[in-house]
């Protein structure tokens, strides 16, 4: 996730004048690919730009991971004959 998206509009820089004082979107995407990440997103906490989208995506990924782990745990319990609850004999 890239923060300070708004900095590109406030830091003076002309393309071709050396290294940019910020990470460009293409550099962010390239780094995410090199690190084997699923995605790259940018937002600005200062202006709120894209914050909702980033938060929704983070929560969505977290829920998917949780559901996947929960399903795997339930499957393991079933395979091992472990059941939740009380057995009266």
PDB file of N, CA and C in Angstrom:
ATOM      1  N   UNK A   1       0.855  -1.158   0.000  1.00  0.00           N
ATOM      2  CA  UNK A   1       0.000   0.000   0.000  1.00  0.00           C
ATOM      3  C   UNK A   1       0.908   1.230   0.000  1.00  0.00           C
ATOM      4  N   UNK A   2       0.600   2.171  -0.850  1.00  0.00           N
ATOM      5  CA  UNK A   2       1.351   3.413  -0.904  1.00  0.00           C
ATOM      6  C   UNK A   2       0.559   4.535  -0.254  1.00  0.00           C
ATOM      7  N   UNK A   3       1.189   5.226   0.659  1.00  0.00           N
ATOM      8  CA  UNK A   3       0.548   6.353   1.331  1.00  0.00           C
ATOM      9  C   UNK A   3       1.056   7.673   0.748  1.00  0.00           C
ATOM     10  N   UNK A   4       0.453   8.740   1.152  1.00  0.00           N
ATOM     11  CA  UNK A   4       0.793  10.099   0.710  1.00  0.00           C
ATOM     12  C   UNK A   4       0.649  10.278  -0.794  1.00  0.00           C
ATOM     13  N   UNK A   5      -0.401   9.705  -1.333  1.00  0.00           N
ATOM     14  CA  UNK A   5      -0.702   9.861  -2.756  1.00  0.00           C
ATOM     15  C   UNK A   5      -0.778  11.343  -3.128  1.00  0.00           C
ATOM     16  N   UNK A   6      -1.254  12.152  -2.195  1.00  0.00           N
ATOM     17  CA  UNK A   6      -1.412  13.590  -2.429  1.00  0.00           C
ATOM     18  C   UNK A   6      -0.076  14.306  -2.605  1.00  0.00           C
ATOM     19  N   UNK A   7       1.028  13.701  -2.152  1.00  0.00           N
ATOM     20  CA  UNK A   7       2.337  14.363  -2.219  1.00  0.00           C
ATOM     21  C   UNK A   7       2.756  14.650  -3.659  1.00  0.00           C
ATOM     22  N   UNK A   8       2.298  13.841  -4.603  1.00  0.00           N
ATOM     23  CA  UNK A   8       2.665  14.084  -6.001  1.00  0.00           C
ATOM     24  C   UNK A   8       2.159  15.425  -6.503  1.00  0.00           C
ATOM     25  N   UNK A   9       1.061  15.888  -5.918  1.00  0.00           N
ATOM     26  CA  UNK A   9       0.492  17.165  -6.349  1.00  0.00           C
ATOM     27  C   UNK A   9       1.113  18.353  -5.629  1.00  0.00           C
ATOM     28  N   UNK A  10       1.853  18.103  -4.553  1.00  0.00           N
ATOM     29  CA  UNK A  10       2.395  19.211  -3.765  1.00  0.00           C
ATOM     30  C   UNK A  10       3.912  19.352  -3.873  1.00  0.00           C
ATOM     31  N   UNK A  11       4.603  18.294  -4.299  1.00  0.00           N
ATOM     32  CA  UNK A  11       6.054  18.354  -4.434  1.00  0.00           C
ATOM     33  C   UNK A  11       6.405  18.707  -5.871  1.00  0.00           C
ATOM     34  N   UNK A  12       7.104  19.829  -6.074  1.00  0.00           N
ATOM     35  CA  UNK A  12       7.442  20.212  -7.451  1.00  0.00           C
ATOM     36  C   UNK A  12       8.432  19.228  -8.080  1.00  0.00           C
ATOM     37  N   UNK A  13       8.059  18.711  -9.233  1.00  0.00           N
ATOM     38  CA  UNK A  13       8.911  17.779  -9.960  1.00  0.00           C
ATOM     39  C   UNK A  13       8.472  17.744 -11.410  1.00  0.00           C
ATOM     40  N   UNK A  14       9.444  17.786 -12.310  1.00  0.00           N
ATOM     41  CA  UNK A  14       9.171  17.657 -13.738  1.00  0.00           C
ATOM     42  C   UNK A  14       9.799  16.365 -14.220  1.00  0.00           C
ATOM     43  N   UNK A  15       9.003  15.575 -14.926  1.00  0.00           N
ATOM     44  CA  UNK A  15       9.481  14.294 -15.428  1.00  0.00           C
ATOM     45  C   UNK A  15      10.728  14.500 -16.268  1.00  0.00           C
ATOM     46  N   UNK A  16      11.700  13.632 -16.057  1.00  0.00           N
ATOM     47  CA  UNK A  16      12.947  13.728 -16.806  1.00  0.00           C
ATOM     48  C   UNK A  16      14.012  14.533 -16.084  1.00  0.00           C
ATOM     49  N   UNK A  17      13.699  15.101 -14.937  1.00  0.00           N
ATOM     50  CA  UNK A  17      14.673  15.894 -14.169  1.00  0.00           C
ATOM     51  C   UNK A  17      15.252  15.062 -13.030  1.00  0.00           C
ATOM     52  N   UNK A  18      15.760  13.898 -13.352  1.00  0.00           N
ATOM     53  CA  UNK A  18      16.354  13.050 -12.322  1.00  0.00           C
ATOM     54  C   UNK A  18      15.309  12.196 -11.632  1.00  0.00           C
ATOM     55  N   UNK A  19      15.715  11.671 -10.498  1.00  0.00           N
ATOM     56  CA  UNK A  19      14.840  10.759  -9.753  1.00  0.00           C
ATOM     57  C   UNK A  19      13.717  11.528  -9.070  1.00  0.00           C
ATOM     58  N   UNK A  20      12.519  11.007  -9.193  1.00  0.00           N
ATOM     59  CA  UNK A  20      11.356  11.639  -8.556  1.00  0.00           C
ATOM     60  C   UNK A  20      11.490  11.549  -7.038  1.00  0.00           C
ATOM     61  N   UNK A  21      11.032  12.565  -6.300  1.00  0.00           N
ATOM     62  CA  UNK A  21      11.114  12.547  -4.836  1.00  0.00           C
ATOM     63  C   UNK A  21       9.996  11.716  -4.203  1.00  0.00           C
ATOM     64  N   UNK A  22       9.323  10.923  -4.995  1.00  0.00           N
ATOM     65  CA  UNK A  22       8.237  10.071  -4.513  1.00  0.00           C
ATOM     66  C   UNK A  22       8.179   8.821  -5.390  1.00  0.00           C
ATOM     67  N   UNK A  23       7.471   7.835  -4.919  1.00  0.00           N
ATOM     68  CA  UNK A  23       7.296   6.596  -5.685  1.00  0.00           C
ATOM     69  C   UNK A  23       6.161   6.806  -6.673  1.00  0.00           C
ATOM     70  N   UNK A  24       6.428   6.506  -7.926  1.00  0.00           N
ATOM     71  CA  UNK A  24       5.384   6.624  -8.944  1.00  0.00           C
ATOM     72  C   UNK A  24       4.491   5.384  -8.887  1.00  0.00           C
ATOM     73  N   UNK A  25       3.260   5.471  -9.422  1.00  0.00           N
ATOM     74  CA  UNK A  25       2.400   4.279  -9.437  1.00  0.00           C
ATOM     75  C   UNK A  25       3.054   3.088 -10.131  1.00  0.00           C
ATOM     76  N   UNK A  26       3.733   3.329 -11.235  1.00  0.00           N
ATOM     77  CA  UNK A  26       4.362   2.207 -11.944  1.00  0.00           C
ATOM     78  C   UNK A  26       5.480   1.586 -11.107  1.00  0.00           C
ATOM     79  N   UNK A  27       6.235   2.405 -10.373  1.00  0.00           N
ATOM     80  CA  UNK A  27       7.273   1.852  -9.492  1.00  0.00           C
ATOM     81  C   UNK A  27       6.645   1.018  -8.377  1.00  0.00           C
ATOM     82  N   UNK A  28       5.517   1.486  -7.850  1.00  0.00           N
ATOM     83  CA  UNK A  28       4.813   0.747  -6.806  1.00  0.00           C
ATOM     84  C   UNK A  28       4.327  -0.595  -7.302  1.00  0.00           C
ATOM     85  N   UNK A  29       3.719  -0.611  -8.494  1.00  0.00           N
ATOM     86  CA  UNK A  29       3.240  -1.867  -9.088  1.00  0.00           C
ATOM     87  C   UNK A  29       4.403  -2.825  -9.360  1.00  0.00           C
ATOM     88  N   UNK A  30       5.503  -2.290  -9.886  1.00  0.00           N
ATOM     89  CA  UNK A  30       6.664  -3.133 -10.176  1.00  0.00           C
ATOM     90  C   UNK A  30       7.219  -3.757  -8.901  1.00  0.00           C
ATOM     91  N   UNK A  31       7.309  -2.965  -7.835  1.00  0.00           N
ATOM     92  CA  UNK A  31       7.832  -3.478  -6.570  1.00  0.00           C
ATOM     93  C   UNK A  31       6.900  -4.554  -6.014  1.00  0.00           C
ATOM     94  N   UNK A  32       5.606  -4.333  -6.111  1.00  0.00           N
ATOM     95  CA  UNK A  32       4.637  -5.328  -5.628  1.00  0.00           C
ATOM     96  C   UNK A  32       4.809  -6.639  -6.381  1.00  0.00           C
ATOM     97  N   UNK A  33       5.029  -6.566  -7.688  1.00  0.00           N
ATOM     98  CA  UNK A  33       5.225  -7.775  -8.489  1.00  0.00           C
ATOM     99  C   UNK A  33       6.516  -8.482  -8.091  1.00  0.00           C
ATOM    100  N   UNK A  34       7.584  -7.708  -7.889  1.00  0.00           N
ATOM    101  CA  UNK A  34       8.867  -8.306  -7.491  1.00  0.00           C
ATOM    102  C   UNK A  34       8.767  -9.001  -6.140  1.00  0.00           C
ATOM    103  N   UNK A  35       7.951  -8.450  -5.237  1.00  0.00           N
ATOM    104  CA  UNK A  35       7.792  -9.025  -3.905  1.00  0.00           C
ATOM    105  C   UNK A  35       6.760 -10.152  -3.877  1.00  0.00           C
ATOM    106  N   UNK A  36       6.113 -10.396  -5.015  1.00  0.00           N
ATOM    107  CA  UNK A  36       5.123 -11.463  -5.101  1.00  0.00           C
ATOM    108  C   UNK A  36       3.814 -11.122  -4.400  1.00  0.00           C
ATOM    109  N   UNK A  37       3.492  -9.833  -4.330  1.00  0.00           N
ATOM    110  CA  UNK A  37       2.263  -9.403  -3.673  1.00  0.00           C
ATOM    111  C   UNK A  37       1.074  -9.507  -4.616  1.00  0.00           C
ATOM    112  N   UNK A  38      -0.100  -9.622  -4.043  1.00  0.00           N
ATOM    113  CA  UNK A  38      -1.326  -9.742  -4.835  1.00  0.00           C
ATOM    114  C   UNK A  38      -1.730  -8.433  -5.495  1.00  0.00           C
ATOM    115  N   UNK A  39      -1.430  -7.325  -4.845  1.00  0.00           N
ATOM    116  CA  UNK A  39      -1.889  -6.037  -5.373  1.00  0.00           C
ATOM    117  C   UNK A  39      -1.078  -4.889  -4.800  1.00  0.00           C
ATOM    118  N   UNK A  40      -1.249  -3.732  -5.411  1.00  0.00           N
ATOM    119  CA  UNK A  40      -0.656  -2.481  -4.948  1.00  0.00           C
ATOM    120  C   UNK A  40      -1.756  -1.444  -4.983  1.00  0.00           C
ATOM    121  N   UNK A  41      -1.923  -0.738  -3.887  1.00  0.00           N
ATOM    122  CA  UNK A  41      -2.952   0.300  -3.818  1.00  0.00           C
ATOM    123  C   UNK A  41      -2.343   1.557  -3.220  1.00  0.00           C
ATOM    124  N   UNK A  42      -2.914   2.681  -3.577  1.00  0.00           N
ATOM    125  CA  UNK A  42      -2.462   3.959  -3.038  1.00  0.00           C
ATOM    126  C   UNK A  42      -3.629   4.683  -2.387  1.00  0.00           C
ATOM    127  N   UNK A  43      -3.301   5.496  -1.405  1.00  0.00           N
ATOM    128  CA  UNK A  43      -4.320   6.321  -0.777  1.00  0.00           C
ATOM    129  C   UNK A  43      -3.644   7.538  -0.140  1.00  0.00           C
ATOM    130  N   UNK A  44      -4.454   8.459   0.329  1.00  0.00           N
ATOM    131  CA  UNK A  44      -3.964   9.634   1.039  1.00  0.00           C
ATOM    132  C   UNK A  44      -4.758   9.788   2.326  1.00  0.00           C
ATOM    133  N   UNK A  45      -4.080   9.620   3.445  1.00  0.00           N
ATOM    134  CA  UNK A  45      -4.738   9.829   4.741  1.00  0.00           C
ATOM    135  C   UNK A  45      -5.048  11.315   4.922  1.00  0.00           C
ATOM    136  N   UNK A  46      -4.246  12.179   4.321  1.00  0.00           N
ATOM    137  CA  UNK A  46      -4.446  13.624   4.457  1.00  0.00           C
ATOM    138  C   UNK A  46      -5.739  14.080   3.791  1.00  0.00           C
ATOM    139  N   UNK A  47      -5.945  13.659   2.546  1.00  0.00           N
ATOM    140  CA  UNK A  47      -7.139  14.102   1.813  1.00  0.00           C
ATOM    141  C   UNK A  47      -8.279  13.084   1.876  1.00  0.00           C
ATOM    142  N   UNK A  48      -7.964  11.858   2.294  1.00  0.00           N
ATOM    143  CA  UNK A  48      -8.973  10.804   2.329  1.00  0.00           C
ATOM    144  C   UNK A  48      -9.166  10.106   0.991  1.00  0.00           C
ATOM    145  N   UNK A  49      -8.411  10.530  -0.014  1.00  0.00           N
ATOM    146  CA  UNK A  49      -8.537   9.956  -1.356  1.00  0.00           C
ATOM    147  C   UNK A  49      -8.231   8.455  -1.327  1.00  0.00           C
ATOM    148  N   UNK A  50      -9.170   7.663  -1.814  1.00  0.00           N
ATOM    149  CA  UNK A  50      -9.075   6.212  -1.948  1.00  0.00           C
ATOM    150  C   UNK A  50      -8.984   5.463  -0.616  1.00  0.00           C
ATOM    151  N   UNK A  51      -9.148   6.142   0.516  1.00  0.00           N
ATOM    152  CA  UNK A  51      -9.088   5.468   1.821  1.00  0.00           C
ATOM    153  C   UNK A  51     -10.181   4.411   1.945  1.00  0.00           C
ATOM    154  N   UNK A  52     -11.407   4.748   1.522  1.00  0.00           N
ATOM    155  CA  UNK A  52     -12.505   3.786   1.617  1.00  0.00           C
ATOM    156  C   UNK A  52     -12.198   2.521   0.825  1.00  0.00           C
ATOM    157  N   UNK A  53     -11.686   2.695  -0.385  1.00  0.00           N
ATOM    158  CA  UNK A  53     -11.373   1.560  -1.250  1.00  0.00           C
ATOM    159  C   UNK A  53     -10.297   0.675  -0.619  1.00  0.00           C
ATOM    160  N   UNK A  54      -9.253   1.296  -0.076  1.00  0.00           N
ATOM    161  CA  UNK A  54      -8.165   0.542   0.549  1.00  0.00           C
ATOM    162  C   UNK A  54      -8.672  -0.206   1.780  1.00  0.00           C
ATOM    163  N   UNK A  55      -9.455   0.473   2.608  1.00  0.00           N
ATOM    164  CA  UNK A  55     -10.003  -0.167   3.809  1.00  0.00           C
ATOM    165  C   UNK A  55     -10.902  -1.349   3.435  1.00  0.00           C
ATOM    166  N   UNK A  56     -11.765  -1.168   2.439  1.00  0.00           N
ATOM    167  CA  UNK A  56     -12.648  -2.254   1.997  1.00  0.00           C
ATOM    168  C   UNK A  56     -11.837  -3.449   1.504  1.00  0.00           C
ATOM    169  N   UNK A  57     -10.785  -3.174   0.769  1.00  0.00           N
ATOM    170  CA  UNK A  57      -9.961  -4.239   0.227  1.00  0.00           C
ATOM    171  C   UNK A  57      -9.240  -4.994   1.344  1.00  0.00           C
ATOM    172  N   UNK A  58      -8.695  -4.268   2.308  1.00  0.00           N
ATOM    173  CA  UNK A  58      -7.992  -4.899   3.428  1.00  0.00           C
ATOM    174  C   UNK A  58      -8.949  -5.783   4.220  1.00  0.00           C
ATOM    175  N   UNK A  59     -10.130  -5.266   4.528  1.00  0.00           N
ATOM    176  CA  UNK A  59     -11.113  -6.046   5.273  1.00  0.00           C
ATOM    177  C   UNK A  59     -11.553  -7.267   4.457  1.00  0.00           C
ATOM    178  N   UNK A  60     -11.785  -7.081   3.164  1.00  0.00           N
ATOM    179  CA  UNK A  60     -12.200  -8.188   2.310  1.00  0.00           C
ATOM    180  C   UNK A  60     -11.171  -9.304   2.279  1.00  0.00           C
ATOM    181  N   UNK A  61      -9.911  -8.954   2.160  1.00  0.00           N
ATOM    182  CA  UNK A  61      -8.846  -9.958   2.147  1.00  0.00           C
ATOM    183  C   UNK A  61      -8.787 -10.651   3.505  1.00  0.00           C
ATOM    184  N   UNK A  62      -8.911  -9.896   4.585  1.00  0.00           N
ATOM    185  CA  UNK A  62      -8.890 -10.478   5.920  1.00  0.00           C
ATOM    186  C   UNK A  62     -10.024 -11.465   6.136  1.00  0.00           C
ATOM    187  N   UNK A  63     -11.204 -11.110   5.676  1.00  0.00           N
ATOM    188  CA  UNK A  63     -12.362 -12.004   5.819  1.00  0.00           C
ATOM    189  C   UNK A  63     -12.152 -13.280   5.011  1.00  0.00           C
ATOM    190  N   UNK A  64     -11.646 -13.150   3.793  1.00  0.00           N
ATOM    191  CA  UNK A  64     -11.393 -14.336   2.970  1.00  0.00           C
ATOM    192  C   UNK A  64     -10.380 -15.263   3.635  1.00  0.00           C
ATOM    193  N   UNK A  65      -9.317 -14.684   4.198  1.00  0.00           N
ATOM    194  CA  UNK A  65      -8.321 -15.500   4.891  1.00  0.00           C
ATOM    195  C   UNK A  65      -8.932 -16.184   6.102  1.00  0.00           C
ATOM    196  N   UNK A  66      -9.711 -15.452   6.876  1.00  0.00           N
ATOM    197  CA  UNK A  66     -10.345 -16.006   8.073  1.00  0.00           C
ATOM    198  C   UNK A  66     -11.288 -17.148   7.709  1.00  0.00           C
ATOM    199  N   UNK A  67     -12.120 -16.928   6.688  1.00  0.00           N
ATOM    200  CA  UNK A  67     -13.055 -17.971   6.272  1.00  0.00           C
ATOM    201  C   UNK A  67     -12.313 -19.215   5.777  1.00  0.00           C
ATOM    202  N   UNK A  68     -11.226 -19.000   5.051  1.00  0.00           N
ATOM    203  CA  UNK A  68     -10.426 -20.123   4.563  1.00  0.00           C
ATOM    204  C   UNK A  68      -9.816 -20.921   5.703  1.00  0.00           C
ATOM    205  N   UNK A  69      -9.302 -20.219   6.705  1.00  0.00           N
ATOM    206  CA  UNK A  69      -8.705 -20.904   7.857  1.00  0.00           C
ATOM    207  C   UNK A  69      -9.776 -21.619   8.672  1.00  0.00           C
ATOM    208  N   UNK A  70     -10.922 -20.964   8.822  1.00  0.00           N
ATOM    209  CA  UNK A  70     -12.020 -21.576   9.571  1.00  0.00           C
ATOM    210  C   UNK A  70     -12.467 -22.869   8.892  1.00  0.00           C
ATOM    211  N   UNK A  71     -12.621 -22.837   7.579  1.00  0.00           N
ATOM    212  CA  UNK A  71     -13.033 -24.028   6.830  1.00  0.00           C
ATOM    213  C   UNK A  71     -11.992 -25.130   6.969  1.00  0.00           C
ATOM    214  N   UNK A  72     -10.716 -24.769   6.920  1.00  0.00           N
ATOM    215  CA  UNK A  72      -9.645 -25.758   7.052  1.00  0.00           C
ATOM    216  C   UNK A  72      -9.656 -26.382   8.444  1.00  0.00           C
ATOM    217  N   UNK A  73      -9.901 -25.573   9.472  1.00  0.00           N
ATOM    218  CA  UNK A  73      -9.965 -26.096  10.836  1.00  0.00           C
ATOM    219  C   UNK A  73     -11.142 -27.038  11.006  1.00  0.00           C
ATOM    220  N   UNK A  74     -12.294 -26.658  10.452  1.00  0.00           N
ATOM    221  CA  UNK A  74     -13.478 -27.512  10.544  1.00  0.00           C
ATOM    222  C   UNK A  74     -13.256 -28.838   9.825  1.00  0.00           C
ATOM    223  N   UNK A  75     -12.598 -28.777   8.674  1.00  0.00           N
ATOM    224  CA  UNK A  75     -12.313 -29.995   7.918  1.00  0.00           C
ATOM    225  C   UNK A  75     -11.372 -30.907   8.706  1.00  0.00           C
ATOM    226  N   UNK A  76     -10.368 -30.315   9.343  1.00  0.00           N
ATOM    227  CA  UNK A  76      -9.410 -31.091  10.141  1.00  0.00           C
ATOM    228  C   UNK A  76     -10.120 -31.740  11.332  1.00  0.00           C
ATOM    229  N   UNK A  77     -10.981 -30.990  11.999  1.00  0.00           N
ATOM    230  CA  UNK A  77     -11.731 -31.545  13.135  1.00  0.00           C
ATOM    231  C   UNK A  77     -12.585 -32.736  12.687  1.00  0.00           C
ATOM    232  N   UNK A  78     -13.211 -32.580  11.534  1.00  0.00           N
ATOM    233  CA  UNK A  78     -14.069 -33.650  11.016  1.00  0.00           C
ATOM    234  C   UNK A  78     -13.240 -34.887  10.693  1.00  0.00           C
ATOM    235  N   UNK A  79     -12.081 -34.686  10.065  1.00  0.00           N
ATOM    236  CA  UNK A  79     -11.208 -35.805   9.712  1.00  0.00           C
ATOM    237  C   UNK A  79     -10.704 -36.534  10.954  1.00  0.00           C
ATOM    238  N   UNK A  80     -10.413 -35.770  12.006  1.00  0.00           N
ATOM    239  CA  UNK A  80      -9.860 -36.354  13.220  1.00  0.00           C
ATOM    240  C   UNK A  80     -10.949 -36.811  14.191  1.00  0.00           C
ATOM    241  N   UNK A  81     -12.197 -36.610  13.821  1.00  0.00           N
ATOM    242  CA  UNK A  81     -13.293 -37.032  14.672  1.00  0.00           C
ATOM    243  C   UNK A  81     -13.487 -36.143  15.889  1.00  0.00           C
ATOM    244  N   UNK A  82     -13.017 -34.924  15.811  1.00  0.00           N
ATOM    245  CA  UNK A  82     -13.183 -33.975  16.916  1.00  0.00           C
ATOM    246  C   UNK A  82     -14.436 -33.154  16.684  1.00  0.00           C
ATOM    247  N   UNK A  83     -15.289 -33.151  17.644  1.00  0.00           N
ATOM    248  CA  UNK A  83     -16.549 -32.398  17.508  1.00  0.00           C
ATOM    249  C   UNK A  83     -16.688 -31.429  18.658  1.00  0.00           C
ATOM    250  N   UNK A  84     -17.223 -30.291  18.366  1.00  0.00           N
ATOM    251  CA  UNK A  84     -17.521 -29.329  19.425  1.00  0.00           C
ATOM    252  C   UNK A  84     -18.838 -29.711  20.060  1.00  0.00           C
ATOM    253  N   UNK A  85     -18.969 -29.473  21.324  1.00  0.00           N
ATOM    254  CA  UNK A  85     -20.233 -29.728  21.995  1.00  0.00           C
ATOM    255  C   UNK A  85     -20.100 -30.787  23.076  1.00  0.00           C
ATOM    256  N   UNK A  86     -21.201 -31.281  23.486  1.00  0.00           N
ATOM    257  CA  UNK A  86     -21.262 -32.203  24.609  1.00  0.00           C
ATOM    258  C   UNK A  86     -21.906 -33.512  24.152  1.00  0.00           C
ATOM    259  N   UNK A  87     -21.332 -34.609  24.584  1.00  0.00           N
ATOM    260  CA  UNK A  87     -21.885 -35.922  24.270  1.00  0.00           C
ATOM    261  C   UNK A  87     -22.358 -36.543  25.572  1.00  0.00           C
ATOM    262  N   UNK A  88     -23.602 -36.946  25.604  1.00  0.00           N
ATOM    263  CA  UNK A  88     -24.162 -37.580  26.797  1.00  0.00           C
ATOM    264  C   UNK A  88     -24.364 -39.051  26.475  1.00  0.00           C
ATOM    265  N   UNK A  89     -23.832 -39.926  27.332  1.00  0.00           N
ATOM    266  CA  UNK A  89     -23.929 -41.349  27.033  1.00  0.00           C
ATOM    267  C   UNK A  89     -24.644 -42.134  28.084  1.00  0.00           C
TER     268      UNK A  89
END
